[in-house]
């Protein structure tokens, strides 16, 4: 198969392998860190988590992506991205160590949240840098395959990190601090792995001299506006991004519902609920992996013989959203573990398949000098949609997590997203 051949070629590329190693180490640390935070906030025996508490925790984890995101792209288009990966992971290792000390000291919750916000704010630079750097290590023809392997492998690494966090927590007698310290070690390993790449290997191609702070702030504002204008002119990228944003909202609402079901409806103890959550993460991870395997093949199938262009990617995006709209209510409305876990698999497959397609549309359509800014806008929308979904879920979910109205809302958003993507295809 052509996909297998391209995958084999990618893994023979030295800089691609090294960039992938940084992603795997970094995102496995993310998985450990985020699972430790979730366990500390949601699954601690002394805490009675509510949908509002879960929404607050998700806001802490994801809002830095929205608040810091607009500034990240302009800086990524001016800083060497290898240095961003190096220093970003070093800083996260130090900050995560600080979080572990705060957990041990049993400080007030707001101080714990400040520490978590700091780690996730730096994370914004690292993930955007990884995405913006990818076209420097592969050619355009293999971008879909690269986006199937690299971000999906990173997501699976994060899921594996979450599973490792649960295992460490069991061995360490429910010690979230120990889990965070192991995650800090993985962040340090990612920084060391970044040193294996050349300083200038990941772009940007031309880096201007850094101006003074006041000038830099004005430059950031102008650069953000320029990025928005460029995205608006690049219609396939704009349409793919808005479609994925809607799908991310629906996925976020489903995720909060799943957390509440694991915590209360399907378990009698917090340890049992955390184990069920681990199973749900594994099932969703299987969906992500399946998306990585089939997305390049599906895009080639829908491309219709075209060597280049985004038609196949946009058709696959439409199929992912449309299939979710049809199958989610069928699987989720019984609120039984088996069907809902099947829905988790579907949600993982559809979300990752759509993200792979969207990444490829943006990387192939957007000029390199704007790519960092557009990916930052991408991540702002991607994560703000998840936080908004968590807030909506907090208003709609009952204590046990069973909410037909929330399932109906997510289904409607999936359907609207599918129609939006299909409309672009109809217009040609």
Protein backbone atom coordinates (compact mmCIF):
# COMPACT_ATOMS: atom_id res chain seq x y z
CA UNK A 1 0.00 0.00 0.00
CA UNK A 2 1.13 3.56 -0.72
CA UNK A 3 0.40 4.62 2.87
CA UNK A 4 2.63 1.89 4.29
CA UNK A 5 5.38 2.82 1.86
CA UNK A 6 5.14 6.51 2.81
CA UNK A 7 5.16 5.61 6.49
CA UNK A 8 8.31 3.55 5.99
CA UNK A 9 9.93 6.50 4.22
CA UNK A 10 8.97 8.89 7.03
CA UNK A 11 10.51 6.71 9.69
CA UNK A 12 13.77 6.66 7.73
CA UNK A 13 13.99 10.47 7.89
CA UNK A 14 16.37 11.34 10.71
CA UNK A 15 14.90 14.71 11.69
CA UNK A 16 11.35 13.37 11.52
CA UNK A 17 12.27 10.56 13.93
CA UNK A 18 13.92 13.00 16.28
CA UNK A 19 10.99 15.41 16.20
CA UNK A 20 8.67 12.47 16.84
CA UNK A 21 10.77 11.42 19.86
CA UNK A 22 10.40 14.89 21.37
CA UNK A 23 6.65 14.74 20.84
CA UNK A 24 6.29 11.29 22.38
CA UNK A 25 8.27 12.14 25.50
CA UNK A 26 6.61 15.52 25.89
CA UNK A 27 3.05 14.32 25.44
CA UNK A 28 3.50 11.25 27.63
CA UNK A 29 4.53 13.70 30.34
CA UNK A 30 1.42 15.74 29.55
CA UNK A 31 -0.71 12.62 30.03
CA UNK A 32 0.84 11.89 33.40
CA UNK A 33 0.55 15.48 34.57
CA UNK A 34 -3.05 15.93 33.46
CA UNK A 35 -4.14 12.59 34.91
CA UNK A 36 -2.55 13.50 38.23
CA UNK A 37 -4.44 16.80 38.23
CA UNK A 38 -7.72 15.06 37.34
CA UNK A 39 -7.19 12.49 40.10
CA UNK A 40 -6.36 15.24 42.60
CA UNK A 41 -9.42 17.35 41.70
CA UNK A 42 -12.05 14.77 40.66
CA UNK A 43 -11.15 11.36 42.08
CA UNK A 44 -9.69 12.18 45.48
CA UNK A 45 -11.76 10.37 48.15
CA UNK A 46 -12.14 13.54 50.21
CA UNK A 47 -13.58 15.50 47.28
CA UNK A 48 -17.17 15.25 45.99
CA UNK A 49 -16.68 16.34 42.40
CA UNK A 50 -19.51 18.06 40.55
CA UNK A 51 -19.83 18.91 36.85
CA UNK A 52 -18.92 22.49 37.79
CA UNK A 53 -15.73 21.30 39.52
CA UNK A 54 -14.77 19.25 36.46
CA UNK A 55 -15.46 22.24 34.21
CA UNK A 56 -13.27 24.42 36.44
CA UNK A 57 -10.42 21.90 36.29
CA UNK A 58 -10.68 21.72 32.50
CA UNK A 59 -10.66 25.49 32.28
CA UNK A 60 -7.46 25.55 34.32
CA UNK A 61 -5.87 22.98 32.04
CA UNK A 62 -7.01 24.47 28.73
CA UNK A 63 -7.59 28.22 29.10
CA UNK A 64 -3.87 29.04 28.82
CA UNK A 65 -4.12 27.70 25.28
CA UNK A 66 -6.69 30.41 24.57
CA UNK A 67 -5.15 33.22 26.62
CA UNK A 68 -1.53 32.68 25.61
CA UNK A 69 -2.25 31.26 22.17
CA UNK A 70 -2.58 34.53 20.23
CA UNK A 71 0.92 35.54 21.35
CA UNK A 72 2.53 32.19 20.66
CA UNK A 73 2.31 32.17 16.88
CA UNK A 74 4.02 35.50 16.35
CA UNK A 75 6.86 34.42 18.62
CA UNK A 76 7.11 31.02 16.94
CA UNK A 77 7.49 32.78 13.61
CA UNK A 78 10.46 34.71 15.06
CA UNK A 79 12.15 32.20 17.40
CA UNK A 80 14.03 29.07 16.39
CA UNK A 81 11.52 26.27 17.02
CA UNK A 82 14.21 23.83 18.18
CA UNK A 83 15.00 26.27 20.99
CA UNK A 84 11.30 26.50 21.87
CA UNK A 85 11.14 22.72 22.27
CA UNK A 86 14.31 22.68 24.35
CA UNK A 87 13.62 25.54 26.74
CA UNK A 88 9.87 24.88 26.91
CA UNK A 89 10.38 21.34 28.16
CA UNK A 90 13.08 22.38 30.62
CA UNK A 91 10.78 25.01 32.08
CA UNK A 92 7.86 22.57 32.33
CA UNK A 93 10.07 20.10 34.19
CA UNK A 94 10.86 22.75 36.79
CA UNK A 95 7.25 23.93 37.07
CA UNK A 96 5.90 20.37 37.37
CA UNK A 97 8.34 19.72 40.20
CA UNK A 98 6.92 22.80 41.89
CA UNK A 99 3.39 21.42 41.45
CA UNK A 100 4.40 18.18 43.19
CA UNK A 101 5.76 20.16 46.13
CA UNK A 102 2.50 22.12 46.36
CA UNK A 103 0.49 18.87 46.45
CA UNK A 104 2.67 17.56 49.27
CA UNK A 105 2.36 20.83 51.18
CA UNK A 106 -1.47 20.74 50.87
CA UNK A 107 -1.63 24.41 49.90
CA UNK A 108 -4.93 26.22 49.13
CA UNK A 109 -6.57 25.06 45.90
CA UNK A 110 -6.09 28.38 44.10
CA UNK A 111 -2.30 28.17 44.47
CA UNK A 112 -2.35 24.65 43.07
CA UNK A 113 -4.36 25.93 40.09
CA UNK A 114 -1.85 28.74 39.49
CA UNK A 115 0.93 26.16 39.23
CA UNK A 116 -1.11 24.03 36.83
CA UNK A 117 -1.87 27.09 34.71
CA UNK A 118 1.84 27.85 34.42
CA UNK A 119 2.68 24.37 33.13
CA UNK A 120 -0.11 24.34 30.57
CA UNK A 121 0.75 27.87 29.41
CA UNK A 122 4.24 26.73 28.46
CA UNK A 123 2.72 23.64 26.86
CA UNK A 124 1.06 25.92 24.33
CA UNK A 125 4.46 26.92 22.90
CA UNK A 126 5.72 23.35 22.70
CA UNK A 127 2.72 21.83 20.90
CA UNK A 128 2.38 24.72 18.43
CA UNK A 129 6.11 24.47 17.76
CA UNK A 130 5.84 20.76 17.02
CA UNK A 131 3.04 21.34 14.50
CA UNK A 132 4.71 24.31 12.81
CA UNK A 133 8.00 22.39 12.53
CA UNK A 134 6.58 19.30 10.84
CA UNK A 135 6.66 20.64 7.23
CA UNK A 136 10.42 21.21 7.70
CA UNK A 137 11.07 17.49 8.12
CA UNK A 138 8.64 16.01 5.51
CA UNK A 139 7.47 16.99 2.04
CA UNK A 140 3.93 18.13 1.17
CA UNK A 141 2.94 14.83 -0.46
CA UNK A 142 3.47 12.95 2.81
CA UNK A 143 1.94 15.55 5.13
CA UNK A 144 -1.28 13.55 5.62
CA UNK A 145 0.70 10.45 6.58
CA UNK A 146 2.97 12.53 8.82
CA UNK A 147 -0.05 14.10 10.49
CA UNK A 148 -1.52 10.64 10.95
CA UNK A 149 1.61 9.31 12.60
CA UNK A 150 3.03 12.24 14.54
CA UNK A 151 0.12 13.94 16.37
CA UNK A 152 -1.73 10.64 16.74
CA UNK A 153 1.35 8.98 18.20
CA UNK A 154 1.62 11.96 20.54
CA UNK A 155 -2.00 11.54 21.59
CA UNK A 156 -1.46 7.83 22.18
CA UNK A 157 1.66 8.69 24.20
CA UNK A 158 -0.47 11.04 26.31
CA UNK A 159 -3.02 8.26 26.84
CA UNK A 160 -0.21 5.85 27.75
CA UNK A 161 1.10 8.48 30.13
CA UNK A 162 -2.33 8.64 31.70
CA UNK A 163 -2.36 4.86 32.11
CA UNK A 164 1.13 4.97 33.62
CA UNK A 165 -0.06 7.68 36.00
CA UNK A 166 -2.89 5.45 37.21
CA UNK A 167 -0.44 2.56 37.71
CA UNK A 168 2.06 4.75 39.59
CA UNK A 169 -0.75 6.14 41.72
CA UNK A 170 -1.81 2.61 42.73
CA UNK A 171 1.76 1.56 43.53
CA UNK A 172 2.52 4.82 45.36
CA UNK A 173 -0.65 4.60 47.48
CA UNK A 174 -2.69 7.33 45.76
CA UNK A 175 0.22 9.79 45.67
CA UNK A 176 -0.50 12.38 42.99
CA UNK A 177 2.78 14.14 43.85
CA UNK A 178 4.83 11.08 42.84
CA UNK A 179 2.98 10.92 39.52
CA UNK A 180 3.75 14.59 38.83
CA UNK A 181 7.44 14.05 39.64
CA UNK A 182 7.64 11.17 37.16
CA UNK A 183 6.03 13.47 34.59
CA UNK A 184 8.65 16.14 35.35
CA UNK A 185 11.36 13.59 34.55
CA UNK A 186 9.74 12.90 31.18
CA UNK A 187 9.65 16.64 30.40
CA UNK A 188 13.38 16.76 31.12
CA UNK A 189 13.94 13.79 28.79
CA UNK A 190 12.03 15.62 26.01
CA UNK A 191 14.34 18.62 26.41
CA UNK A 192 17.39 16.37 26.07
CA UNK A 193 15.88 14.74 22.96
CA UNK A 194 15.42 18.18 21.35
CA UNK A 195 19.19 18.72 21.53
CA UNK A 196 19.66 15.95 18.96
CA UNK A 197 18.29 18.24 16.21
CA UNK A 198 20.14 21.14 14.66
CA UNK A 199 19.30 24.55 16.09
CA UNK A 200 18.06 25.84 12.71
CA UNK A 201 16.56 22.59 11.39
CA UNK A 202 12.93 23.37 12.27
CA UNK A 203 12.57 26.92 11.00
CA UNK A 204 11.42 29.54 10.63
CA UNK A 205 13.54 30.14 7.57
CA UNK A 206 14.24 33.79 8.33
CA UNK A 207 14.20 35.19 11.87
CA UNK A 208 14.19 38.98 12.31
CA UNK A 209 16.05 40.68 15.15
CA UNK A 210 13.97 40.86 18.30
CA UNK A 211 12.66 44.37 18.97
CA UNK A 212 12.08 45.99 22.37
CA UNK A 213 9.21 44.80 24.53
CA UNK A 214 6.79 47.59 23.59
CA UNK A 215 7.53 47.16 19.90
CA UNK A 216 7.22 43.39 20.27
CA UNK A 217 3.77 43.70 21.83
CA UNK A 218 2.60 45.90 18.97
CA UNK A 219 4.15 43.45 16.53
CA UNK A 220 2.25 40.60 18.17
CA UNK A 221 -1.05 42.43 17.78
CA UNK A 222 -0.34 43.24 14.13
CA UNK A 223 0.88 39.70 13.47
CA UNK A 224 -2.26 38.21 14.97
CA UNK A 225 -4.44 40.38 12.76
CA UNK A 226 -2.33 39.42 9.76
CA UNK A 227 -2.74 35.74 10.65
CA UNK A 228 -6.52 36.09 10.86
CA UNK A 229 -6.63 37.88 7.51
CA UNK A 230 -4.44 35.26 5.87
CA UNK A 231 -6.65 32.48 7.26
CA UNK A 232 -9.74 34.27 5.97
CA UNK A 233 -8.22 34.40 2.49
CA UNK A 234 -7.32 30.71 2.68
CA UNK A 235 -10.87 29.38 2.50
CA UNK A 236 -10.24 25.60 2.71
CA UNK A 237 -8.18 26.09 5.89
CA UNK A 238 -10.78 28.38 7.44
CA UNK A 239 -13.63 26.00 6.63
CA UNK A 240 -11.74 22.96 7.99
CA UNK A 241 -10.83 24.80 11.18
CA UNK A 242 -14.38 25.92 11.95
CA UNK A 243 -15.68 22.40 11.28
CA UNK A 244 -13.15 20.89 13.66
CA UNK A 245 -13.97 23.51 16.30
CA UNK A 246 -17.60 22.39 16.31
CA UNK A 247 -16.55 18.75 16.57
CA UNK A 248 -14.23 19.59 19.45
CA UNK A 249 -17.14 21.22 21.31
CA UNK A 250 -19.25 18.08 20.93
CA UNK A 251 -16.32 15.89 22.00
CA UNK A 252 -15.75 18.05 25.09
CA UNK A 253 -19.39 17.77 26.18
CA UNK A 254 -19.25 14.00 25.77
CA UNK A 255 -15.99 13.81 27.74
CA UNK A 256 -17.40 15.63 30.78
CA UNK A 257 -20.45 13.35 30.71
CA UNK A 258 -18.15 10.31 30.54
CA UNK A 259 -16.16 11.56 33.55
CA UNK A 260 -19.32 11.91 35.63
CA UNK A 261 -20.58 8.48 34.56
CA UNK A 262 -17.26 6.88 35.59
CA UNK A 263 -17.20 8.78 38.88
CA UNK A 264 -20.78 8.19 40.05
CA UNK A 265 -23.12 6.18 37.78
CA UNK A 266 -20.88 3.16 37.12
CA UNK A 267 -18.81 2.90 40.31
CA UNK A 268 -19.19 2.88 44.07
CA UNK A 269 -15.65 3.96 44.98
CA UNK A 270 -13.21 6.55 43.66
CA UNK A 271 -10.59 3.90 42.87
CA UNK A 272 -13.11 1.95 40.81
CA UNK A 273 -14.16 5.14 39.04
CA UNK A 274 -10.53 6.00 38.22
CA UNK A 275 -10.02 2.49 36.84
CA UNK A 276 -13.09 2.88 34.64
CA UNK A 277 -11.75 6.20 33.42
CA UNK A 278 -8.51 4.43 32.51
CA UNK A 279 -10.48 1.89 30.47
CA UNK A 280 -12.36 4.73 28.75
CA UNK A 281 -9.05 6.45 27.91
CA UNK A 282 -7.75 3.19 26.45
CA UNK A 283 -10.85 2.72 24.30
CA UNK A 284 -10.69 6.31 23.09
CA UNK A 285 -6.99 5.82 22.38
CA UNK A 286 -7.85 2.83 20.23
CA UNK A 287 -10.11 5.16 18.25
CA UNK A 288 -7.25 7.63 17.82
CA UNK A 289 -4.97 4.84 16.63
CA UNK A 290 -7.58 3.58 14.18
CA UNK A 291 -7.92 7.10 12.79
CA UNK A 292 -4.17 7.25 12.23
CA UNK A 293 -4.29 3.99 10.30
CA UNK A 294 -7.31 4.65 8.09
CA UNK A 295 -7.20 8.43 7.54
CA UNK A 296 -4.46 8.46 4.86
CA UNK A 297 -6.24 5.63 3.03
CA UNK A 298 -9.62 7.38 3.26
CA UNK A 299 -8.18 10.69 2.08
CA UNK A 300 -6.59 8.95 -0.91
CA UNK A 301 -9.90 7.22 -1.65
CA UNK A 302 -11.88 10.49 -1.55
CA UNK A 303 -9.22 12.43 -3.46
CA UNK A 304 -10.49 10.87 -6.67
CA UNK A 305 -7.16 10.52 -8.44
CA UNK A 306 -5.95 14.07 -7.71
CA UNK A 307 -2.27 14.20 -6.78
CA UNK A 308 -2.67 17.35 -4.68
CA UNK A 309 -5.46 19.47 -3.25
CA UNK A 310 -7.70 19.35 -0.22
CA UNK A 311 -10.87 17.76 -1.58
CA UNK A 312 -10.16 14.30 -0.15
CA UNK A 313 -9.25 15.81 3.22
CA UNK A 314 -12.45 17.87 3.40
CA UNK A 315 -14.64 14.91 2.38
CA UNK A 316 -13.10 12.81 5.16
CA UNK A 317 -13.70 15.68 7.60
CA UNK A 318 -17.36 15.71 6.57
CA UNK A 319 -17.66 11.94 6.97
CA UNK A 320 -16.17 12.07 10.49
CA UNK A 321 -18.65 14.72 11.63
CA UNK A 322 -21.63 13.10 9.90
CA UNK A 323 -20.95 9.62 11.26
CA UNK A 324 -20.69 11.05 14.78
CA UNK A 325 -24.04 12.80 14.41
CA UNK A 326 -25.68 9.51 13.40
CA UNK A 327 -24.05 7.10 15.85
CA UNK A 328 -23.56 9.16 19.02
CA UNK A 329 -27.22 9.22 20.14
CA UNK A 330 -27.66 5.52 19.31
CA UNK A 331 -24.69 4.53 21.48
CA UNK A 332 -24.79 7.11 24.28
CA UNK A 333 -28.47 7.40 25.17
CA UNK A 334 -28.70 4.02 26.97
CA UNK A 335 -26.01 5.37 29.39
CA UNK A 336 -24.73 1.81 29.82
CA UNK A 337 -20.96 1.20 30.03
CA UNK A 338 -20.67 -0.95 26.88
CA UNK A 339 -22.45 1.35 24.41
CA UNK A 340 -20.94 4.52 25.91
CA UNK A 341 -17.44 3.06 25.66
CA UNK A 342 -18.22 2.25 22.01
CA UNK A 343 -19.19 5.91 21.64
CA UNK A 344 -15.83 6.85 23.21
CA UNK A 345 -14.09 4.80 20.53
CA UNK A 346 -16.13 6.54 17.83
CA UNK A 347 -15.45 9.98 19.31
CA UNK A 348 -11.72 9.29 19.42
CA UNK A 349 -11.69 8.05 15.82
CA UNK A 350 -13.79 10.93 14.45
CA UNK A 351 -12.00 13.66 16.39
CA UNK A 352 -8.51 12.47 15.50
CA UNK A 353 -9.45 11.72 11.90
CA UNK A 354 -10.85 15.25 11.54
CA UNK A 355 -7.80 16.75 13.24
CA UNK A 356 -5.39 14.92 10.93
CA UNK A 357 -7.31 16.22 7.92
CA UNK A 358 -7.45 19.77 9.31
CA UNK A 359 -3.74 19.80 10.16
CA UNK A 360 -2.93 18.75 6.60
CA UNK A 361 -5.26 21.33 5.04
CA UNK A 362 -3.67 24.13 7.07
CA UNK A 363 -0.10 22.98 6.51
CA UNK A 364 -0.59 22.67 2.75
CA UNK A 365 -2.66 25.85 2.31
CA UNK A 366 -1.06 28.36 4.67
CA UNK A 367 2.23 30.06 3.85
CA UNK A 368 5.13 29.14 6.15
CA UNK A 369 5.60 32.72 7.31
CA UNK A 370 2.03 32.67 8.69
CA UNK A 371 1.91 29.05 9.77
CA UNK A 372 2.89 29.60 13.40
CA UNK A 373 0.22 32.27 13.83
CA UNK A 374 -2.47 30.18 12.18
CA UNK A 375 -1.63 27.14 14.28
CA UNK A 376 -1.85 29.30 17.38
CA UNK A 377 -5.30 30.51 16.33
CA UNK A 378 -6.13 26.87 15.61
CA UNK A 379 -5.24 25.84 19.14
CA UNK A 380 -7.10 28.78 20.67
CA UNK A 381 -10.31 27.66 18.97
CA UNK A 382 -9.60 23.97 19.59
CA UNK A 383 -9.24 24.38 23.34
CA UNK A 384 -11.69 27.23 23.89
CA UNK A 385 -14.33 24.99 22.32
CA UNK A 386 -13.54 22.27 24.84
CA UNK A 387 -13.75 24.69 27.78
CA UNK A 388 -17.03 26.10 26.48
CA UNK A 389 -18.39 22.56 26.16
CA UNK A 390 -17.38 21.81 29.76
CA UNK A 391 -19.20 24.94 30.92
CA UNK A 392 -22.35 23.96 29.02
CA UNK A 393 -22.11 20.42 30.39
CA UNK A 394 -21.82 21.80 33.93
CA UNK A 395 -25.18 23.54 33.45
CA UNK A 396 -26.92 20.54 31.85
CA UNK A 397 -25.55 17.46 33.61
CA UNK A 398 -27.26 15.92 36.65
CA UNK A 399 -25.00 14.57 39.44
CA UNK A 400 -24.84 11.06 37.97
CA UNK A 401 -23.98 12.25 34.45
CA UNK A 402 -27.06 10.89 32.64
CA UNK A 403 -28.31 13.72 30.40
CA UNK A 404 -30.28 13.04 27.18
CA UNK A 405 -30.35 16.79 26.49
CA UNK A 406 -26.54 16.97 26.49
CA UNK A 407 -26.34 14.05 24.06
CA UNK A 408 -28.88 15.81 21.83
CA UNK A 409 -26.82 19.03 21.95
CA UNK A 410 -23.61 17.25 20.99
CA UNK A 411 -25.42 15.45 18.17
CA UNK A 412 -26.79 18.74 16.81
CA UNK A 413 -23.30 20.29 16.84
CA UNK A 414 -21.84 17.30 15.00
CA UNK A 415 -24.59 17.57 12.38
CA UNK A 416 -24.05 21.32 11.92
CA UNK A 417 -20.29 20.73 11.53
CA UNK A 418 -20.88 18.08 8.86
CA UNK A 419 -23.23 20.40 6.94
CA UNK A 420 -20.71 23.27 7.13
CA UNK A 421 -17.91 21.16 5.65
CA UNK A 422 -20.21 19.67 3.00
CA UNK A 423 -21.32 23.14 1.94
CA UNK A 424 -17.74 24.07 1.05
CA UNK A 425 -17.47 20.95 -1.10
CA UNK A 426 -20.74 21.82 -2.84
CA UNK A 427 -19.47 25.31 -3.63
CA UNK A 428 -16.36 23.76 -5.14
